[in-house]
N, C-alpha and C. Protein backbone atom coordinates (compact mmCIF):
# COMPACT_ATOMS: atom_id res chain seq x y z
N UNK A 1 27.04 112.36 261.33
CA UNK A 1 26.55 113.03 262.52
C UNK A 1 27.19 114.40 262.74
N UNK A 2 28.48 114.59 262.47
CA UNK A 2 29.04 115.92 262.69
C UNK A 2 28.35 117.00 261.85
N UNK A 3 27.88 116.64 260.67
CA UNK A 3 27.22 117.62 259.80
C UNK A 3 25.78 117.90 260.22
N UNK A 4 25.19 117.02 261.01
CA UNK A 4 23.79 117.16 261.43
C UNK A 4 23.68 116.98 262.95
N UNK A 5 24.30 117.84 263.73
CA UNK A 5 24.34 117.62 265.18
C UNK A 5 22.98 117.66 265.86
N UNK A 6 22.01 118.35 265.30
CA UNK A 6 20.69 118.45 265.92
C UNK A 6 19.68 117.48 265.34
N UNK A 7 20.13 116.60 264.46
CA UNK A 7 19.22 115.67 263.80
C UNK A 7 18.70 114.62 264.77
N UNK A 8 17.43 114.32 264.63
CA UNK A 8 16.82 113.22 265.36
C UNK A 8 16.89 112.01 264.44
N UNK A 9 17.57 110.96 264.88
CA UNK A 9 17.74 109.78 264.03
C UNK A 9 16.85 108.67 264.55
N UNK A 10 16.11 108.09 263.61
CA UNK A 10 15.21 107.00 263.94
C UNK A 10 15.47 105.87 262.96
N UNK A 11 15.71 104.69 263.48
CA UNK A 11 15.90 103.50 262.65
C UNK A 11 14.59 102.73 262.64
N UNK A 12 14.18 102.30 261.46
CA UNK A 12 12.96 101.52 261.37
C UNK A 12 13.11 100.46 260.29
N UNK A 13 12.83 99.24 260.63
CA UNK A 13 12.97 98.12 259.72
C UNK A 13 12.06 98.23 258.50
N UNK A 14 11.00 99.03 258.61
CA UNK A 14 10.05 99.18 257.50
C UNK A 14 10.75 99.65 256.22
N UNK A 15 11.81 100.43 256.36
CA UNK A 15 12.53 100.93 255.19
C UNK A 15 13.23 99.81 254.43
N UNK A 16 13.40 98.67 255.07
CA UNK A 16 14.05 97.53 254.43
C UNK A 16 13.06 96.43 254.07
N UNK A 17 11.96 96.36 254.80
CA UNK A 17 11.01 95.26 254.62
C UNK A 17 9.85 95.57 253.69
N UNK A 18 9.48 96.83 253.57
CA UNK A 18 8.28 97.20 252.81
C UNK A 18 8.62 97.64 251.39
N UNK A 19 7.60 97.61 250.53
CA UNK A 19 7.75 98.20 249.21
C UNK A 19 7.45 99.70 249.32
N UNK A 20 7.49 100.41 248.20
CA UNK A 20 7.30 101.87 248.21
C UNK A 20 5.95 102.27 248.79
N UNK A 21 4.88 101.53 248.47
CA UNK A 21 3.56 101.86 249.03
C UNK A 21 3.55 101.68 250.54
N UNK A 22 4.23 100.65 251.03
CA UNK A 22 4.31 100.42 252.46
C UNK A 22 5.09 101.51 253.18
N UNK A 23 6.17 101.99 252.56
CA UNK A 23 6.95 103.08 253.15
C UNK A 23 6.12 104.36 253.14
N UNK A 24 5.37 104.59 252.07
CA UNK A 24 4.50 105.76 252.01
C UNK A 24 3.49 105.74 253.15
N UNK A 25 2.88 104.60 253.40
CA UNK A 25 1.92 104.49 254.51
C UNK A 25 2.61 104.71 255.86
N UNK A 26 3.82 104.18 256.01
CA UNK A 26 4.61 104.38 257.24
C UNK A 26 4.88 105.87 257.45
N UNK A 27 5.27 106.58 256.37
CA UNK A 27 5.52 108.01 256.47
C UNK A 27 4.27 108.78 256.88
N UNK A 28 3.14 108.38 256.34
CA UNK A 28 1.88 109.06 256.67
C UNK A 28 1.51 108.91 258.14
N UNK A 29 2.03 107.88 258.80
CA UNK A 29 1.70 107.65 260.20
C UNK A 29 2.68 108.35 261.15
N UNK A 30 3.75 108.92 260.62
CA UNK A 30 4.72 109.63 261.45
C UNK A 30 4.14 110.97 261.88
N UNK A 31 4.57 111.41 263.01
CA UNK A 31 4.14 112.72 263.47
C UNK A 31 5.34 113.49 264.02
N UNK A 32 6.38 113.68 263.20
CA UNK A 32 7.53 114.43 263.71
C UNK A 32 7.25 115.93 263.70
N UNK A 33 7.80 116.65 264.65
CA UNK A 33 7.61 118.10 264.64
C UNK A 33 8.42 118.78 263.54
N UNK A 34 9.43 118.09 263.01
CA UNK A 34 10.29 118.69 262.00
C UNK A 34 9.57 118.79 260.66
N UNK A 35 9.76 119.89 259.96
CA UNK A 35 9.13 120.03 258.65
C UNK A 35 9.90 119.32 257.54
N UNK A 36 11.12 118.84 257.86
CA UNK A 36 11.94 118.17 256.84
C UNK A 36 12.35 116.80 257.34
N UNK A 37 12.59 115.92 256.37
CA UNK A 37 12.97 114.56 256.72
C UNK A 37 13.92 114.02 255.65
N UNK A 38 14.86 113.21 256.08
CA UNK A 38 15.76 112.51 255.16
C UNK A 38 15.57 111.02 255.38
N UNK A 39 15.34 110.30 254.29
CA UNK A 39 15.22 108.85 254.36
C UNK A 39 16.48 108.23 253.78
N UNK A 40 16.96 107.20 254.43
CA UNK A 40 18.10 106.44 253.93
C UNK A 40 17.63 105.00 253.84
N UNK A 41 17.78 104.41 252.67
CA UNK A 41 17.31 103.04 252.48
C UNK A 41 17.90 102.44 251.23
N UNK A 42 17.16 101.56 250.62
CA UNK A 42 17.66 100.81 249.47
C UNK A 42 16.68 100.84 248.31
N UNK A 43 17.20 100.47 247.16
CA UNK A 43 16.37 100.30 245.96
C UNK A 43 15.93 98.85 245.86
N UNK A 44 14.85 98.63 245.16
CA UNK A 44 14.12 99.58 244.32
C UNK A 44 13.13 100.45 245.10
N UNK A 45 13.00 100.22 246.39
CA UNK A 45 11.98 100.90 247.19
C UNK A 45 12.09 102.42 247.12
N UNK A 46 13.28 102.98 247.35
CA UNK A 46 13.39 104.44 247.38
C UNK A 46 13.18 105.08 246.02
N UNK A 47 13.65 104.45 244.95
CA UNK A 47 13.40 105.01 243.63
C UNK A 47 11.90 104.98 243.32
N UNK A 48 11.24 103.90 243.66
CA UNK A 48 9.79 103.82 243.44
C UNK A 48 9.06 104.85 244.29
N UNK A 49 9.52 105.09 245.51
CA UNK A 49 8.90 106.12 246.35
C UNK A 49 9.08 107.50 245.72
N UNK A 50 10.27 107.77 245.17
CA UNK A 50 10.49 109.04 244.47
C UNK A 50 9.52 109.20 243.31
N UNK A 51 9.28 108.13 242.56
CA UNK A 51 8.35 108.18 241.44
C UNK A 51 6.92 108.44 241.91
N UNK A 52 6.55 107.86 243.05
CA UNK A 52 5.21 108.09 243.60
C UNK A 52 5.04 109.54 244.01
N UNK A 53 6.04 110.08 244.70
CA UNK A 53 5.91 111.43 245.29
C UNK A 53 6.07 112.55 244.28
N UNK A 54 6.77 112.32 243.17
CA UNK A 54 7.01 113.40 242.22
C UNK A 54 5.93 113.46 241.15
N UNK A 55 5.83 114.64 240.60
CA UNK A 55 4.89 114.86 239.49
C UNK A 55 5.36 114.07 238.27
N UNK A 56 4.44 113.60 237.45
CA UNK A 56 4.82 112.80 236.27
C UNK A 56 5.84 113.47 235.36
N UNK A 57 5.89 114.79 235.33
CA UNK A 57 6.83 115.48 234.46
C UNK A 57 8.28 115.13 234.81
N UNK A 58 8.54 114.67 236.04
CA UNK A 58 9.90 114.33 236.46
C UNK A 58 10.22 112.84 236.32
N UNK A 59 9.25 112.03 235.95
CA UNK A 59 9.45 110.58 235.92
C UNK A 59 10.52 110.13 234.92
N UNK A 60 10.54 110.71 233.73
CA UNK A 60 11.55 110.32 232.74
C UNK A 60 12.95 110.60 233.27
N UNK A 61 13.12 111.77 233.88
CA UNK A 61 14.42 112.14 234.44
C UNK A 61 14.84 111.19 235.56
N UNK A 62 13.91 110.87 236.44
CA UNK A 62 14.20 109.94 237.53
C UNK A 62 14.54 108.55 237.00
N UNK A 63 13.79 108.09 236.04
CA UNK A 63 14.04 106.75 235.50
C UNK A 63 15.35 106.69 234.73
N UNK A 64 15.72 107.75 234.02
CA UNK A 64 16.98 107.73 233.28
C UNK A 64 18.18 107.84 234.21
N UNK A 65 18.06 108.62 235.26
CA UNK A 65 19.15 108.75 236.21
C UNK A 65 19.22 107.55 237.14
N UNK A 66 18.06 107.01 237.47
CA UNK A 66 18.02 105.95 238.46
C UNK A 66 18.31 106.52 239.83
N UNK A 67 18.55 105.67 240.76
CA UNK A 67 18.91 106.09 242.11
C UNK A 67 20.08 105.20 242.54
N UNK A 68 21.29 105.56 242.07
CA UNK A 68 22.45 104.72 242.36
C UNK A 68 22.85 104.78 243.83
N UNK A 69 23.70 103.88 244.24
CA UNK A 69 24.19 103.85 245.61
C UNK A 69 24.75 105.22 246.00
N UNK A 70 24.36 105.69 247.16
CA UNK A 70 24.81 106.96 247.74
C UNK A 70 24.25 108.19 247.02
N UNK A 71 23.24 108.00 246.17
CA UNK A 71 22.62 109.15 245.51
C UNK A 71 21.74 109.90 246.50
N UNK A 72 21.48 111.15 246.18
CA UNK A 72 20.64 112.00 247.02
C UNK A 72 19.64 112.71 246.13
N UNK A 73 18.39 112.67 246.52
CA UNK A 73 17.33 113.40 245.82
C UNK A 73 16.69 114.36 246.83
N UNK A 74 16.46 115.58 246.39
CA UNK A 74 15.79 116.55 247.26
C UNK A 74 14.52 117.02 246.56
N UNK A 75 13.46 117.08 247.32
CA UNK A 75 12.21 117.62 246.81
C UNK A 75 12.11 119.07 247.23
N UNK A 76 11.86 119.96 246.27
CA UNK A 76 11.84 121.39 246.55
C UNK A 76 10.52 121.91 247.07
N UNK A 77 9.48 121.17 246.90
CA UNK A 77 8.18 121.62 247.39
C UNK A 77 7.69 120.62 248.42
N UNK A 78 6.91 121.09 249.34
CA UNK A 78 6.46 120.17 250.38
C UNK A 78 5.63 119.03 249.80
N UNK A 79 5.94 117.85 250.26
CA UNK A 79 5.13 116.71 249.87
C UNK A 79 4.06 116.45 250.92
N UNK A 80 4.28 117.00 252.10
CA UNK A 80 3.27 116.95 253.16
C UNK A 80 2.84 118.38 253.40
N UNK A 81 1.58 118.66 253.21
CA UNK A 81 1.13 120.05 253.26
C UNK A 81 0.04 120.27 254.29
N UNK A 82 -0.08 121.51 254.68
CA UNK A 82 -1.19 121.91 255.55
C UNK A 82 -1.08 121.38 256.95
N UNK A 83 -2.18 121.45 257.65
CA UNK A 83 -2.21 121.07 259.06
C UNK A 83 -2.20 119.56 259.27
N UNK A 84 -2.32 118.80 258.19
CA UNK A 84 -2.33 117.35 258.34
C UNK A 84 -0.94 116.78 258.51
N UNK A 85 0.12 117.59 258.32
CA UNK A 85 1.48 117.11 258.48
C UNK A 85 1.78 115.96 257.55
N UNK A 86 2.47 114.97 258.08
CA UNK A 86 2.86 113.84 257.23
C UNK A 86 1.68 113.00 256.80
N UNK A 87 0.55 113.10 257.48
CA UNK A 87 -0.65 112.37 257.04
C UNK A 87 -1.11 112.86 255.67
N UNK A 88 -0.74 114.09 255.33
CA UNK A 88 -1.13 114.67 254.05
C UNK A 88 -0.17 114.37 252.91
N UNK A 89 0.75 113.46 253.13
CA UNK A 89 1.71 113.09 252.10
C UNK A 89 0.95 112.62 250.87
N UNK A 90 1.14 113.31 249.76
CA UNK A 90 0.32 113.05 248.58
C UNK A 90 1.15 112.64 247.38
N UNK A 91 0.74 111.59 246.69
CA UNK A 91 1.42 111.22 245.44
C UNK A 91 1.37 112.38 244.44
N UNK A 92 2.47 112.59 243.76
CA UNK A 92 2.53 113.61 242.73
C UNK A 92 2.62 115.03 243.24
N UNK A 93 2.84 115.24 244.53
CA UNK A 93 2.85 116.60 245.08
C UNK A 93 4.22 117.26 245.04
N UNK A 94 5.27 116.51 244.79
CA UNK A 94 6.62 117.05 244.91
C UNK A 94 7.23 117.44 243.56
N UNK A 95 8.07 118.46 243.64
CA UNK A 95 8.88 118.86 242.49
C UNK A 95 10.30 118.43 242.79
N UNK A 96 10.89 117.69 241.86
CA UNK A 96 12.25 117.20 242.05
C UNK A 96 13.20 118.38 242.03
N UNK A 97 14.03 118.48 243.06
CA UNK A 97 14.99 119.56 243.17
C UNK A 97 16.39 119.06 242.88
N UNK A 98 17.28 119.32 243.77
CA UNK A 98 18.68 118.94 243.60
C UNK A 98 18.84 117.43 243.57
N UNK A 99 19.69 116.97 242.68
CA UNK A 99 20.02 115.55 242.61
C UNK A 99 21.53 115.41 242.69
N UNK A 100 22.02 114.52 243.51
CA UNK A 100 23.44 114.25 243.59
C UNK A 100 23.67 112.81 243.22
N UNK A 101 24.46 112.59 242.20
CA UNK A 101 24.83 111.27 241.76
C UNK A 101 26.33 111.11 242.02
N UNK A 102 26.73 110.23 242.91
CA UNK A 102 28.15 110.11 243.24
C UNK A 102 29.01 109.65 242.07
N UNK A 103 28.40 109.13 241.02
CA UNK A 103 29.17 108.69 239.86
C UNK A 103 29.67 109.87 239.03
N UNK A 104 29.04 111.03 239.21
CA UNK A 104 29.42 112.18 238.36
C UNK A 104 30.40 113.11 239.06
C-alpha cells in the first residue's frame, strides 16, 4: 500500500474460483475508470490468462519461464482498446513487456 497510495483495491473471489476464461469474462464486465489494472491471484489461472492475452509469439517464452510465486508480468500494449474499455479485452492483443521472476 505505501507504494500505491492512490490505488483502488478490489477483492473478488472470482480470481480464486474461476479458470482463465472465467477471469477473462469477469474482466470484460469491469468498468473501472483507470486505464491500468494489476491482478493478483494464483496459478494455473494467471499463467493461462497471460497466454490468452498475449500474442502467440510470446507463448514459448511464457511457458518456459512459467509464472512462479511472486512473479510479475507487464503487458506493454493495451489489451483493452478503444471506447469499449475492458469490454474490448481481446485474446492475443497484448505484447509481453517487463517480467520479474523473484528466483533470479
